[in-house]
């Protein structure tokens, strides 16, 4: 039933090509505004860059100067994304976290650094990055894919599996849940098939912590 409904509401032009965009969001914690975030896809031939940014603007997030960014550089060929590099930088007060890696296709290696420690992996046949996986998911759903929404991810020197499941469809809004090993951890995303299957809102809850939500402000090209 979900597959039939999804086929009817697909925004077909979204599946044909990836085009630059910027989606901007308000971030809430326990219902109170704490910051702004964005997802931006840019193109400088032959490379695409997808950047996720979050900045604390209110409350403790602002006081502590919370800033986080994730950047993936990649190319696209016949609908497949080929990662070139990934970096994550986060700052909260005087604490900083950094993680990055680069792909060496010639030597079939992935080389990176996490917590000031160098690491190296043999190049997996298929893989994504912690923020590029979102674009994989958006593209697949807008192309009509409803099952096997699973993606191998390179994170902190390890290959992890990110799994998603479509849980509901209402008009043009598709709810997708990320599947976690701990049932207390909840991540939900609502994608709009009329806006390239970009999120209009998200919800994330860790055990014993207040929920974090984002709500779409605008999408621009």
N, C-alpha and C. Protein backbone atom coordinates (compact mmCIF):
# COMPACT_ATOMS: atom_id res chain seq x y z
N UNK A 1 0.82 -1.21 0.00
CA UNK A 1 0.00 0.00 0.00
C UNK A 1 0.86 1.26 0.00
N UNK A 2 1.90 1.25 0.84
CA UNK A 2 2.79 2.40 0.89
C UNK A 2 3.44 2.64 -0.46
N UNK A 3 3.85 1.56 -1.12
CA UNK A 3 4.51 1.72 -2.41
C UNK A 3 3.59 2.36 -3.43
N UNK A 4 2.30 1.96 -3.45
CA UNK A 4 1.35 2.54 -4.40
C UNK A 4 1.12 4.02 -4.10
N UNK A 5 0.97 4.35 -2.83
CA UNK A 5 0.74 5.75 -2.46
C UNK A 5 1.95 6.61 -2.80
N UNK A 6 3.14 6.07 -2.54
CA UNK A 6 4.35 6.82 -2.82
C UNK A 6 4.51 7.09 -4.30
N UNK A 7 4.19 6.12 -5.11
CA UNK A 7 4.30 6.29 -6.56
C UNK A 7 3.40 7.43 -7.05
N UNK A 8 2.24 7.54 -6.44
CA UNK A 8 1.30 8.59 -6.84
C UNK A 8 1.77 9.98 -6.48
N UNK A 9 2.51 10.10 -5.37
CA UNK A 9 2.86 11.45 -4.88
C UNK A 9 4.28 11.86 -5.22
N UNK A 10 5.00 11.05 -5.99
CA UNK A 10 6.39 11.37 -6.29
C UNK A 10 6.51 12.65 -7.11
N UNK A 11 7.45 13.46 -6.72
CA UNK A 11 7.80 14.66 -7.48
C UNK A 11 8.87 14.24 -8.46
N UNK A 12 8.47 13.81 -9.64
CA UNK A 12 9.34 13.05 -10.54
C UNK A 12 10.59 13.80 -10.97
N UNK A 13 10.54 15.12 -11.11
CA UNK A 13 11.72 15.85 -11.57
C UNK A 13 12.86 15.77 -10.58
N UNK A 14 12.56 15.51 -9.29
CA UNK A 14 13.60 15.45 -8.28
C UNK A 14 14.51 14.26 -8.49
N UNK A 15 13.99 13.21 -9.12
CA UNK A 15 14.79 12.01 -9.29
C UNK A 15 15.70 12.08 -10.50
N UNK A 16 15.49 13.05 -11.37
CA UNK A 16 16.22 13.07 -12.63
C UNK A 16 17.62 13.66 -12.51
N UNK A 17 17.84 14.56 -11.54
CA UNK A 17 19.14 15.19 -11.40
C UNK A 17 19.23 15.85 -10.05
N UNK A 18 20.45 16.06 -9.57
CA UNK A 18 20.61 16.79 -8.32
C UNK A 18 20.98 18.23 -8.66
N UNK A 19 20.25 19.15 -8.09
CA UNK A 19 20.45 20.57 -8.35
C UNK A 19 20.77 21.27 -7.03
N UNK A 20 21.60 22.31 -7.07
CA UNK A 20 21.95 23.03 -5.84
C UNK A 20 20.71 23.56 -5.12
N UNK A 21 20.79 23.58 -3.81
CA UNK A 21 19.69 24.10 -3.00
C UNK A 21 20.24 24.49 -1.63
N UNK A 22 19.43 25.23 -0.90
CA UNK A 22 19.71 25.51 0.51
C UNK A 22 18.40 25.44 1.28
N UNK A 23 18.35 24.58 2.29
CA UNK A 23 17.18 24.46 3.15
C UNK A 23 17.57 24.96 4.54
N UNK A 24 16.78 25.89 5.08
CA UNK A 24 17.09 26.52 6.36
C UNK A 24 16.03 26.15 7.40
N UNK A 25 16.48 25.95 8.64
CA UNK A 25 15.61 25.44 9.70
C UNK A 25 15.80 26.21 11.01
N UNK A 26 14.73 26.22 11.81
CA UNK A 26 14.82 26.63 13.20
C UNK A 26 14.99 25.40 14.06
N UNK A 27 15.86 25.47 15.06
CA UNK A 27 16.12 24.33 15.94
C UNK A 27 15.49 24.60 17.31
N UNK A 28 14.78 23.59 17.81
CA UNK A 28 14.11 23.69 19.11
C UNK A 28 14.59 22.58 20.04
N UNK A 29 14.69 22.89 21.32
CA UNK A 29 14.96 21.89 22.34
C UNK A 29 13.86 21.98 23.38
N UNK A 30 13.15 20.88 23.58
CA UNK A 30 12.01 20.85 24.48
C UNK A 30 11.02 21.97 24.15
N UNK A 31 10.84 22.22 22.86
CA UNK A 31 9.88 23.21 22.40
C UNK A 31 10.37 24.64 22.41
N UNK A 32 11.59 24.89 22.86
CA UNK A 32 12.13 26.25 22.93
C UNK A 32 13.21 26.45 21.86
N UNK A 33 13.16 27.59 21.19
CA UNK A 33 14.12 27.88 20.14
C UNK A 33 15.52 28.00 20.71
N UNK A 34 16.47 27.25 20.11
CA UNK A 34 17.85 27.32 20.56
C UNK A 34 18.84 27.66 19.44
N UNK A 35 18.40 27.55 18.17
CA UNK A 35 19.37 27.80 17.12
C UNK A 35 18.80 27.74 15.72
N UNK A 36 19.71 27.80 14.76
CA UNK A 36 19.38 27.72 13.34
C UNK A 36 20.28 26.66 12.70
N UNK A 37 19.73 25.98 11.71
CA UNK A 37 20.52 25.00 10.98
C UNK A 37 20.21 25.08 9.50
N UNK A 38 21.05 24.44 8.69
CA UNK A 38 20.83 24.45 7.24
C UNK A 38 21.46 23.23 6.60
N UNK A 39 20.90 22.86 5.46
CA UNK A 39 21.49 21.85 4.57
C UNK A 39 21.68 22.54 3.23
N UNK A 40 22.91 22.57 2.73
CA UNK A 40 23.18 23.27 1.47
C UNK A 40 23.97 22.38 0.52
N UNK A 41 23.48 22.29 -0.71
CA UNK A 41 24.17 21.56 -1.77
C UNK A 41 24.65 22.56 -2.81
N UNK A 42 25.95 22.57 -3.06
CA UNK A 42 26.53 23.47 -4.07
C UNK A 42 27.31 22.65 -5.08
N UNK A 43 27.60 23.28 -6.22
CA UNK A 43 28.28 22.56 -7.31
C UNK A 43 29.35 23.44 -7.92
N UNK A 44 30.57 22.92 -7.98
CA UNK A 44 31.70 23.57 -8.64
C UNK A 44 32.39 22.47 -9.43
N UNK A 45 32.02 22.34 -10.70
CA UNK A 45 32.42 21.19 -11.54
C UNK A 45 33.89 20.82 -11.34
N UNK A 46 34.15 19.52 -11.16
CA UNK A 46 33.21 18.39 -11.22
C UNK A 46 32.66 17.98 -9.86
N UNK A 47 32.86 18.82 -8.83
CA UNK A 47 32.53 18.41 -7.47
C UNK A 47 31.26 19.05 -6.92
N UNK A 48 30.51 18.23 -6.18
CA UNK A 48 29.40 18.72 -5.37
C UNK A 48 29.90 18.82 -3.93
N UNK A 49 29.32 19.75 -3.18
CA UNK A 49 29.59 19.86 -1.75
C UNK A 49 28.27 19.93 -1.01
N UNK A 50 28.07 19.06 -0.04
CA UNK A 50 26.89 19.15 0.82
C UNK A 50 27.36 19.52 2.22
N UNK A 51 26.76 20.58 2.76
CA UNK A 51 27.17 21.14 4.04
C UNK A 51 25.99 21.21 4.99
N UNK A 52 26.14 20.61 6.15
CA UNK A 52 25.15 20.71 7.23
C UNK A 52 25.75 21.61 8.31
N UNK A 53 25.01 22.65 8.69
CA UNK A 53 25.51 23.59 9.71
C UNK A 53 24.46 23.82 10.77
N UNK A 54 24.90 23.94 12.03
CA UNK A 54 24.02 24.27 13.14
C UNK A 54 24.72 25.28 14.04
N UNK A 55 24.01 26.36 14.40
CA UNK A 55 24.56 27.39 15.27
C UNK A 55 23.58 27.68 16.40
N UNK A 56 24.08 27.73 17.62
CA UNK A 56 23.25 28.08 18.76
C UNK A 56 23.00 29.59 18.78
N UNK A 57 21.75 29.98 18.85
CA UNK A 57 21.41 31.41 18.82
C UNK A 57 20.63 31.86 20.04
N UNK A 58 20.12 30.90 20.84
CA UNK A 58 19.31 31.25 21.99
C UNK A 58 19.65 30.33 23.17
N UNK A 59 19.41 30.83 24.39
CA UNK A 59 19.59 30.02 25.59
C UNK A 59 21.02 29.55 25.79
N UNK A 60 21.15 28.36 26.39
CA UNK A 60 22.48 27.82 26.69
C UNK A 60 23.28 27.53 25.43
N UNK A 61 22.60 27.17 24.35
CA UNK A 61 23.31 26.89 23.10
C UNK A 61 24.04 28.13 22.62
N UNK A 62 23.41 29.30 22.80
CA UNK A 62 24.05 30.55 22.43
C UNK A 62 25.15 30.91 23.42
N UNK A 63 24.86 30.75 24.72
CA UNK A 63 25.82 31.09 25.77
C UNK A 63 27.11 30.28 25.61
N UNK A 64 26.97 29.00 25.25
CA UNK A 64 28.14 28.13 25.10
C UNK A 64 28.77 28.23 23.72
N UNK A 65 28.15 29.03 22.85
CA UNK A 65 28.72 29.21 21.50
C UNK A 65 28.71 27.95 20.67
N UNK A 66 27.62 27.18 20.75
CA UNK A 66 27.55 25.90 20.02
C UNK A 66 27.59 26.13 18.51
N UNK A 67 28.52 25.45 17.85
CA UNK A 67 28.61 25.48 16.40
C UNK A 67 29.03 24.09 15.91
N UNK A 68 28.38 23.64 14.86
CA UNK A 68 28.73 22.34 14.29
C UNK A 68 28.56 22.39 12.78
N UNK A 69 29.50 21.82 12.07
CA UNK A 69 29.38 21.74 10.61
C UNK A 69 29.90 20.39 10.13
N UNK A 70 29.25 19.88 9.10
CA UNK A 70 29.69 18.66 8.42
C UNK A 70 29.72 18.96 6.93
N UNK A 71 30.83 18.61 6.29
CA UNK A 71 31.01 18.91 4.87
C UNK A 71 31.49 17.67 4.13
N UNK A 72 30.76 17.30 3.09
CA UNK A 72 31.18 16.18 2.23
C UNK A 72 31.37 16.67 0.81
N UNK A 73 32.50 16.32 0.23
CA UNK A 73 32.80 16.63 -1.17
C UNK A 73 32.65 15.33 -1.96
N UNK A 74 31.91 15.41 -3.10
CA UNK A 74 31.66 14.18 -3.85
C UNK A 74 31.41 14.49 -5.31
N UNK A 75 31.46 13.45 -6.12
CA UNK A 75 31.08 13.55 -7.53
C UNK A 75 29.87 12.66 -7.76
N UNK A 76 29.22 12.85 -8.89
CA UNK A 76 28.03 12.06 -9.23
C UNK A 76 28.19 11.48 -10.62
N UNK A 77 27.86 10.20 -10.76
CA UNK A 77 27.93 9.54 -12.06
C UNK A 77 26.81 8.52 -12.13
N UNK A 78 25.93 8.71 -13.11
CA UNK A 78 24.81 7.80 -13.35
C UNK A 78 23.99 7.58 -12.07
N UNK A 79 23.78 8.67 -11.33
CA UNK A 79 22.94 8.61 -10.14
C UNK A 79 23.64 8.15 -8.88
N UNK A 80 24.90 7.73 -8.98
CA UNK A 80 25.66 7.28 -7.81
C UNK A 80 26.59 8.38 -7.33
N UNK A 81 26.73 8.49 -6.01
CA UNK A 81 27.60 9.50 -5.40
C UNK A 81 28.93 8.86 -5.03
N UNK A 82 30.03 9.54 -5.36
CA UNK A 82 31.37 9.04 -5.07
C UNK A 82 32.09 10.05 -4.18
N UNK A 83 32.27 9.67 -2.93
CA UNK A 83 32.84 10.57 -1.93
C UNK A 83 34.31 10.84 -2.19
N UNK A 84 34.68 12.11 -2.05
CA UNK A 84 36.09 12.52 -2.13
C UNK A 84 36.65 12.81 -0.73
N UNK A 85 35.86 13.48 0.12
CA UNK A 85 36.34 13.81 1.46
C UNK A 85 35.17 14.15 2.36
N UNK A 86 35.43 14.13 3.66
CA UNK A 86 34.42 14.46 4.67
C UNK A 86 35.12 15.12 5.85
N UNK A 87 34.45 16.10 6.45
CA UNK A 87 34.99 16.71 7.66
C UNK A 87 33.85 17.13 8.58
N UNK A 88 34.10 17.02 9.89
CA UNK A 88 33.15 17.45 10.91
C UNK A 88 33.90 18.29 11.92
N UNK A 89 33.32 19.45 12.25
CA UNK A 89 33.90 20.33 13.25
C UNK A 89 32.80 20.78 14.20
N UNK A 90 33.05 20.64 15.49
CA UNK A 90 32.07 21.05 16.49
C UNK A 90 32.75 21.80 17.61
N UNK A 91 32.11 22.87 18.06
CA UNK A 91 32.66 23.68 19.16
C UNK A 91 31.56 23.97 20.16
N UNK A 92 31.82 23.67 21.43
CA UNK A 92 30.92 24.01 22.53
C UNK A 92 31.78 24.57 23.65
N UNK A 93 31.64 25.87 23.92
CA UNK A 93 32.49 26.54 24.90
C UNK A 93 33.95 26.34 24.51
N UNK A 94 34.75 25.73 25.39
CA UNK A 94 36.17 25.54 25.09
C UNK A 94 36.46 24.14 24.55
N UNK A 95 35.41 23.35 24.35
CA UNK A 95 35.60 22.00 23.85
C UNK A 95 35.41 21.95 22.33
N UNK A 96 36.32 21.27 21.68
CA UNK A 96 36.25 21.13 20.22
C UNK A 96 36.35 19.66 19.84
N UNK A 97 35.59 19.29 18.81
CA UNK A 97 35.65 17.95 18.25
C UNK A 97 35.86 18.06 16.75
N UNK A 98 36.78 17.27 16.24
CA UNK A 98 37.07 17.28 14.81
C UNK A 98 37.23 15.85 14.30
N UNK A 99 36.75 15.64 13.10
CA UNK A 99 36.91 14.34 12.46
C UNK A 99 36.92 14.55 10.95
N UNK A 100 37.77 13.83 10.25
CA UNK A 100 37.80 14.00 8.79
C UNK A 100 38.41 12.77 8.12
N UNK A 101 38.13 12.66 6.83
CA UNK A 101 38.81 11.63 6.04
C UNK A 101 38.84 12.03 4.57
N UNK A 102 39.78 11.44 3.85
CA UNK A 102 39.93 11.64 2.42
C UNK A 102 39.98 10.26 1.75
N UNK A 103 39.50 10.21 0.53
CA UNK A 103 39.49 8.95 -0.21
C UNK A 103 40.61 8.94 -1.23
N UNK A 104 41.44 7.91 -1.18
CA UNK A 104 42.53 7.71 -2.13
C UNK A 104 42.11 6.59 -3.07
N UNK A 105 41.49 6.97 -4.19
CA UNK A 105 40.99 5.96 -5.13
C UNK A 105 42.12 5.21 -5.83
N UNK A 106 43.24 5.88 -6.02
CA UNK A 106 44.37 5.23 -6.71
C UNK A 106 44.90 4.05 -5.91
N UNK A 107 45.02 4.25 -4.58
CA UNK A 107 45.54 3.19 -3.72
C UNK A 107 44.44 2.42 -3.00
N UNK A 108 43.19 2.75 -3.33
CA UNK A 108 42.02 2.08 -2.75
C UNK A 108 42.04 2.11 -1.22
N UNK A 109 42.21 3.33 -0.70
CA UNK A 109 42.27 3.52 0.74
C UNK A 109 41.40 4.71 1.16
N UNK A 110 40.96 4.68 2.41
CA UNK A 110 40.33 5.84 3.04
C UNK A 110 41.20 6.19 4.24
N UNK A 111 41.66 7.44 4.28
CA UNK A 111 42.61 7.86 5.32
C UNK A 111 42.01 9.03 6.08
N UNK A 112 42.01 8.94 7.41
CA UNK A 112 41.39 10.00 8.18
C UNK A 112 41.99 10.19 9.55
N UNK A 113 41.32 11.07 10.33
CA UNK A 113 41.75 11.37 11.69
C UNK A 113 40.52 11.55 12.56
N UNK A 114 40.56 10.97 13.78
CA UNK A 114 39.48 11.11 14.75
C UNK A 114 40.09 11.23 16.13
N UNK A 115 39.73 12.28 16.86
CA UNK A 115 40.29 12.55 18.19
C UNK A 115 41.81 12.53 18.14
N UNK A 116 42.35 13.20 17.12
CA UNK A 116 43.81 13.35 16.93
C UNK A 116 44.52 12.03 16.66
N UNK A 117 43.75 10.99 16.36
CA UNK A 117 44.37 9.71 16.02
C UNK A 117 44.14 9.40 14.55
N UNK A 118 45.21 9.03 13.86
CA UNK A 118 45.11 8.69 12.45
C UNK A 118 44.55 7.28 12.28
N UNK A 119 43.79 7.08 11.20
CA UNK A 119 43.27 5.76 10.89
C UNK A 119 43.27 5.54 9.38
N UNK A 120 43.13 4.29 8.99
CA UNK A 120 43.16 3.93 7.57
C UNK A 120 42.27 2.70 7.35
N UNK A 121 41.50 2.74 6.27
CA UNK A 121 40.62 1.63 5.90
C UNK A 121 40.83 1.25 4.44
N UNK A 122 40.66 -0.02 4.14
CA UNK A 122 40.58 -0.41 2.74
C UNK A 122 39.30 0.19 2.16
N UNK A 123 39.36 0.65 0.94
CA UNK A 123 38.23 1.33 0.32
C UNK A 123 37.04 0.39 0.15
N UNK A 124 35.91 0.68 0.82
CA UNK A 124 34.72 -0.17 0.63
C UNK A 124 34.18 0.00 -0.79
N UNK A 125 33.45 -1.02 -1.25
CA UNK A 125 32.88 -0.96 -2.59
C UNK A 125 31.81 0.13 -2.68
N UNK A 126 30.97 0.22 -1.65
CA UNK A 126 29.92 1.24 -1.59
C UNK A 126 29.94 1.85 -0.20
N UNK A 127 29.85 3.17 -0.11
CA UNK A 127 29.80 3.81 1.21
C UNK A 127 29.35 5.26 1.04
N UNK A 128 28.94 5.84 2.15
CA UNK A 128 28.54 7.24 2.18
C UNK A 128 29.20 7.89 3.39
N UNK A 129 28.77 9.11 3.71
CA UNK A 129 29.29 9.82 4.88
C UNK A 129 28.12 10.16 5.79
N UNK A 130 28.39 10.56 7.04
CA UNK A 130 27.30 10.85 7.97
C UNK A 130 26.32 11.94 7.53
N UNK A 131 26.76 12.86 6.66
CA UNK A 131 25.78 13.86 6.19
C UNK A 131 25.37 13.66 4.72
N UNK A 132 26.22 13.04 3.93
CA UNK A 132 25.84 12.75 2.54
C UNK A 132 24.75 11.70 2.49
N UNK A 133 24.65 10.86 3.51
CA UNK A 133 23.62 9.82 3.54
C UNK A 133 22.22 10.43 3.45
N UNK A 134 22.05 11.65 3.96
CA UNK A 134 20.74 12.30 3.86
C UNK A 134 20.34 12.50 2.41
N UNK A 135 21.30 12.94 1.59
CA UNK A 135 21.01 13.14 0.18
C UNK A 135 20.72 11.81 -0.52
N UNK A 136 21.45 10.75 -0.13
CA UNK A 136 21.14 9.41 -0.64
C UNK A 136 19.68 9.05 -0.35
N UNK A 137 19.27 9.30 0.88
CA UNK A 137 17.91 8.97 1.30
C UNK A 137 16.88 9.80 0.55
N UNK A 138 17.11 11.11 0.44
CA UNK A 138 16.16 11.98 -0.27
C UNK A 138 15.99 11.53 -1.71
N UNK A 139 17.11 11.25 -2.37
CA UNK A 139 17.08 10.85 -3.78
C UNK A 139 16.34 9.53 -3.96
N UNK A 140 16.64 8.56 -3.08
CA UNK A 140 16.02 7.24 -3.21
C UNK A 140 14.51 7.31 -3.01
N UNK A 141 14.07 8.06 -2.02
CA UNK A 141 12.64 8.15 -1.76
C UNK A 141 11.93 8.88 -2.88
N UNK A 142 12.52 9.95 -3.39
CA UNK A 142 11.90 10.67 -4.50
C UNK A 142 11.92 9.86 -5.79
N UNK A 143 12.78 8.85 -5.85
CA UNK A 143 12.81 7.97 -7.02
C UNK A 143 11.84 6.80 -6.87
N UNK A 144 11.14 6.75 -5.72
CA UNK A 144 10.13 5.72 -5.51
C UNK A 144 10.58 4.52 -4.72
N UNK A 145 11.78 4.55 -4.15
CA UNK A 145 12.27 3.41 -3.39
C UNK A 145 11.59 3.38 -2.03
N UNK A 146 11.10 2.22 -1.63
CA UNK A 146 10.37 2.10 -0.36
C UNK A 146 11.00 1.08 0.59
N UNK A 147 11.86 0.22 0.09
CA UNK A 147 12.45 -0.82 0.93
C UNK A 147 13.97 -0.79 0.80
N UNK A 148 14.63 -1.51 1.72
CA UNK A 148 16.09 -1.60 1.72
C UNK A 148 16.75 -0.22 1.73
N UNK A 149 16.23 0.64 2.59
CA UNK A 149 16.80 1.97 2.75
C UNK A 149 17.94 1.90 3.76
N UNK A 150 18.99 1.21 3.34
CA UNK A 150 20.15 0.96 4.20
C UNK A 150 21.41 1.44 3.50
N UNK A 151 22.30 2.09 4.25
CA UNK A 151 23.46 2.72 3.66
C UNK A 151 24.69 2.49 4.54
N UNK A 152 25.77 1.94 3.98
CA UNK A 152 27.02 1.84 4.74
C UNK A 152 27.67 3.21 4.85
N UNK A 153 28.10 3.56 6.05
CA UNK A 153 28.66 4.87 6.36
C UNK A 153 30.05 4.71 6.93
N UNK A 154 30.98 5.56 6.51
CA UNK A 154 32.28 5.62 7.17
C UNK A 154 32.23 6.73 8.21
N UNK A 155 32.46 6.35 9.47
CA UNK A 155 32.42 7.31 10.57
C UNK A 155 33.48 6.93 11.61
N UNK A 156 34.35 7.88 11.93
CA UNK A 156 35.37 7.70 12.97
C UNK A 156 36.23 6.46 12.72
N UNK A 157 36.54 6.22 11.46
CA UNK A 157 37.42 5.11 11.12
C UNK A 157 36.77 3.76 11.05
N UNK A 158 35.44 3.72 11.11
CA UNK A 158 34.72 2.46 11.06
C UNK A 158 33.59 2.53 10.02
N UNK A 159 33.20 1.35 9.53
CA UNK A 159 32.07 1.27 8.62
C UNK A 159 30.84 0.89 9.43
N UNK A 160 29.84 1.78 9.44
CA UNK A 160 28.58 1.53 10.15
C UNK A 160 27.45 1.43 9.13
N UNK A 161 26.32 0.92 9.57
CA UNK A 161 25.15 0.80 8.71
C UNK A 161 24.05 1.72 9.24
N UNK A 162 23.56 2.61 8.38
CA UNK A 162 22.43 3.45 8.72
C UNK A 162 21.20 2.87 8.03
N UNK A 163 20.18 2.54 8.80
CA UNK A 163 18.97 1.92 8.27
C UNK A 163 17.77 2.83 8.53
N UNK A 164 16.89 2.93 7.53
CA UNK A 164 15.70 3.78 7.62
C UNK A 164 14.47 2.98 7.20
N UNK A 165 13.31 3.46 7.66
CA UNK A 165 12.05 2.80 7.32
C UNK A 165 10.96 3.85 7.15
N UNK A 166 10.21 3.74 6.05
CA UNK A 166 9.05 4.61 5.85
C UNK A 166 7.93 4.12 6.77
N UNK A 167 7.41 5.03 7.60
CA UNK A 167 6.39 4.62 8.57
C UNK A 167 5.01 5.18 8.25
N UNK A 168 4.93 6.26 7.48
CA UNK A 168 3.61 6.78 7.11
C UNK A 168 3.72 7.72 5.93
N UNK A 169 2.61 7.87 5.22
CA UNK A 169 2.50 8.83 4.12
C UNK A 169 1.16 9.55 4.26
N UNK A 170 1.21 10.86 4.27
CA UNK A 170 0.00 11.67 4.34
C UNK A 170 0.11 12.77 3.29
N UNK A 171 -0.70 12.63 2.25
CA UNK A 171 -0.61 13.54 1.10
C UNK A 171 0.81 13.48 0.54
N UNK A 172 1.54 14.59 0.54
CA UNK A 172 2.88 14.60 -0.03
C UNK A 172 3.98 14.49 1.04
N UNK A 173 3.60 14.22 2.29
CA UNK A 173 4.58 14.15 3.38
C UNK A 173 4.84 12.69 3.75
N UNK A 174 6.12 12.31 3.72
CA UNK A 174 6.53 10.95 4.02
C UNK A 174 7.34 10.94 5.31
N UNK A 175 6.88 10.17 6.30
CA UNK A 175 7.62 10.06 7.56
C UNK A 175 8.59 8.89 7.47
N UNK A 176 9.85 9.18 7.79
CA UNK A 176 10.90 8.17 7.75
C UNK A 176 11.55 8.09 9.13
N UNK A 177 11.67 6.89 9.67
CA UNK A 177 12.33 6.68 10.95
C UNK A 177 13.70 6.06 10.74
N UNK A 178 14.67 6.58 11.46
CA UNK A 178 15.99 5.93 11.47
C UNK A 178 15.94 4.82 12.50
N UNK A 179 16.41 3.64 12.15
CA UNK A 179 16.37 2.49 13.04
C UNK A 179 17.63 2.45 13.91
N UNK A 180 17.43 2.49 15.22
CA UNK A 180 18.54 2.47 16.16
C UNK A 180 18.60 1.14 16.90
N UNK A 181 19.78 0.82 17.39
CA UNK A 181 19.94 -0.42 18.18
C UNK A 181 19.29 -0.28 19.54
N UNK A 182 19.17 0.94 20.05
CA UNK A 182 18.53 1.18 21.34
C UNK A 182 17.13 1.76 21.09
N UNK A 183 16.08 1.09 21.58
CA UNK A 183 14.72 1.57 21.34
C UNK A 183 14.44 2.93 21.99
N UNK A 184 15.23 3.31 23.00
CA UNK A 184 15.03 4.59 23.66
C UNK A 184 15.45 5.77 22.79
N UNK A 185 16.27 5.49 21.78
CA UNK A 185 16.73 6.55 20.87
C UNK A 185 15.76 6.62 19.69
N UNK A 186 15.25 7.81 19.43
CA UNK A 186 14.23 8.00 18.40
C UNK A 186 14.68 9.10 17.44
N UNK A 187 14.62 8.82 16.15
CA UNK A 187 14.92 9.82 15.13
C UNK A 187 13.87 9.73 14.03
N UNK A 188 13.13 10.80 13.84
CA UNK A 188 12.08 10.85 12.82
C UNK A 188 12.31 12.03 11.89
N UNK A 189 12.02 11.83 10.61
CA UNK A 189 12.16 12.89 9.62
C UNK A 189 10.93 12.88 8.72
N UNK A 190 10.40 14.07 8.44
CA UNK A 190 9.24 14.20 7.56
C UNK A 190 9.69 14.86 6.26
N UNK A 191 9.61 14.10 5.14
CA UNK A 191 10.10 14.56 3.84
C UNK A 191 8.93 15.03 2.97
N UNK A 192 9.15 16.10 2.22
CA UNK A 192 8.12 16.69 1.37
C UNK A 192 8.44 16.38 -0.09
N UNK A 193 7.61 15.54 -0.73
CA UNK A 193 7.87 15.16 -2.11
C UNK A 193 7.69 16.32 -3.08
N UNK A 194 7.06 17.41 -2.63
CA UNK A 194 6.91 18.59 -3.48
C UNK A 194 8.11 19.54 -3.37
N UNK A 195 9.03 19.21 -2.46
CA UNK A 195 10.23 20.03 -2.29
C UNK A 195 11.47 19.14 -2.28
N UNK A 196 11.61 18.34 -3.36
CA UNK A 196 12.78 17.49 -3.58
C UNK A 196 12.96 16.43 -2.49
N UNK A 197 11.91 16.11 -1.76
CA UNK A 197 11.98 15.18 -0.64
C UNK A 197 12.91 15.69 0.46
N UNK A 198 13.02 17.00 0.59
CA UNK A 198 13.77 17.59 1.69
C UNK A 198 12.92 17.56 2.96
N UNK A 199 13.58 17.55 4.13
CA UNK A 199 12.81 17.51 5.39
C UNK A 199 12.08 18.82 5.62
N UNK A 200 10.83 18.71 6.09
CA UNK A 200 10.12 19.90 6.56
C UNK A 200 10.22 19.98 8.09
N UNK A 201 10.52 18.85 8.73
CA UNK A 201 10.80 18.85 10.16
C UNK A 201 11.49 17.55 10.54
N UNK A 202 12.19 17.59 11.69
CA UNK A 202 12.84 16.41 12.22
C UNK A 202 12.62 16.36 13.73
N UNK A 203 12.78 15.15 14.29
CA UNK A 203 12.62 14.95 15.74
C UNK A 203 13.66 13.94 16.19
N UNK A 204 14.41 14.29 17.25
CA UNK A 204 15.40 13.35 17.77
C UNK A 204 15.34 13.36 19.29
N UNK A 205 15.34 12.14 19.88
CA UNK A 205 15.24 12.01 21.34
C UNK A 205 16.21 10.96 21.83
N UNK A 206 17.05 11.36 22.79
CA UNK A 206 17.93 10.42 23.48
C UNK A 206 17.34 10.13 24.85
N UNK A 207 17.64 8.96 25.38
CA UNK A 207 17.12 8.58 26.69
C UNK A 207 17.56 9.58 27.77
N UNK A 208 16.60 10.09 28.52
CA UNK A 208 16.91 11.00 29.62
C UNK A 208 17.20 12.42 29.20
N UNK A 209 17.04 12.74 27.92
CA UNK A 209 17.32 14.09 27.43
C UNK A 209 16.09 14.69 26.77
N UNK A 210 16.06 16.02 26.71
CA UNK A 210 14.96 16.71 26.04
C UNK A 210 15.04 16.49 24.53
N UNK A 211 13.89 16.40 23.86
CA UNK A 211 13.91 16.19 22.41
C UNK A 211 14.44 17.41 21.66
N UNK A 212 15.12 17.15 20.56
CA UNK A 212 15.60 18.19 19.65
C UNK A 212 14.76 18.11 18.38
N UNK A 213 14.21 19.24 17.93
CA UNK A 213 13.40 19.29 16.73
C UNK A 213 13.88 20.40 15.80
N UNK A 214 13.67 20.20 14.51
CA UNK A 214 13.90 21.27 13.54
C UNK A 214 12.65 21.46 12.70
N UNK A 215 12.41 22.70 12.30
CA UNK A 215 11.27 23.01 11.44
C UNK A 215 11.73 23.90 10.30
N UNK A 216 11.28 23.57 9.10
CA UNK A 216 11.74 24.27 7.90
C UNK A 216 11.30 25.73 7.88
N UNK A 217 12.24 26.61 7.54
CA UNK A 217 11.93 28.04 7.34
C UNK A 217 11.72 28.31 5.86
N UNK A 218 12.69 27.88 5.04
CA UNK A 218 12.59 28.14 3.60
C UNK A 218 13.54 27.22 2.84
N UNK A 219 13.24 27.03 1.55
CA UNK A 219 14.13 26.34 0.62
C UNK A 219 14.40 27.27 -0.53
N UNK A 220 15.67 27.43 -0.92
CA UNK A 220 16.04 28.28 -2.04
C UNK A 220 16.99 27.53 -2.96
N UNK A 221 17.05 27.97 -4.21
CA UNK A 221 17.93 27.33 -5.19
C UNK A 221 19.25 28.07 -5.29
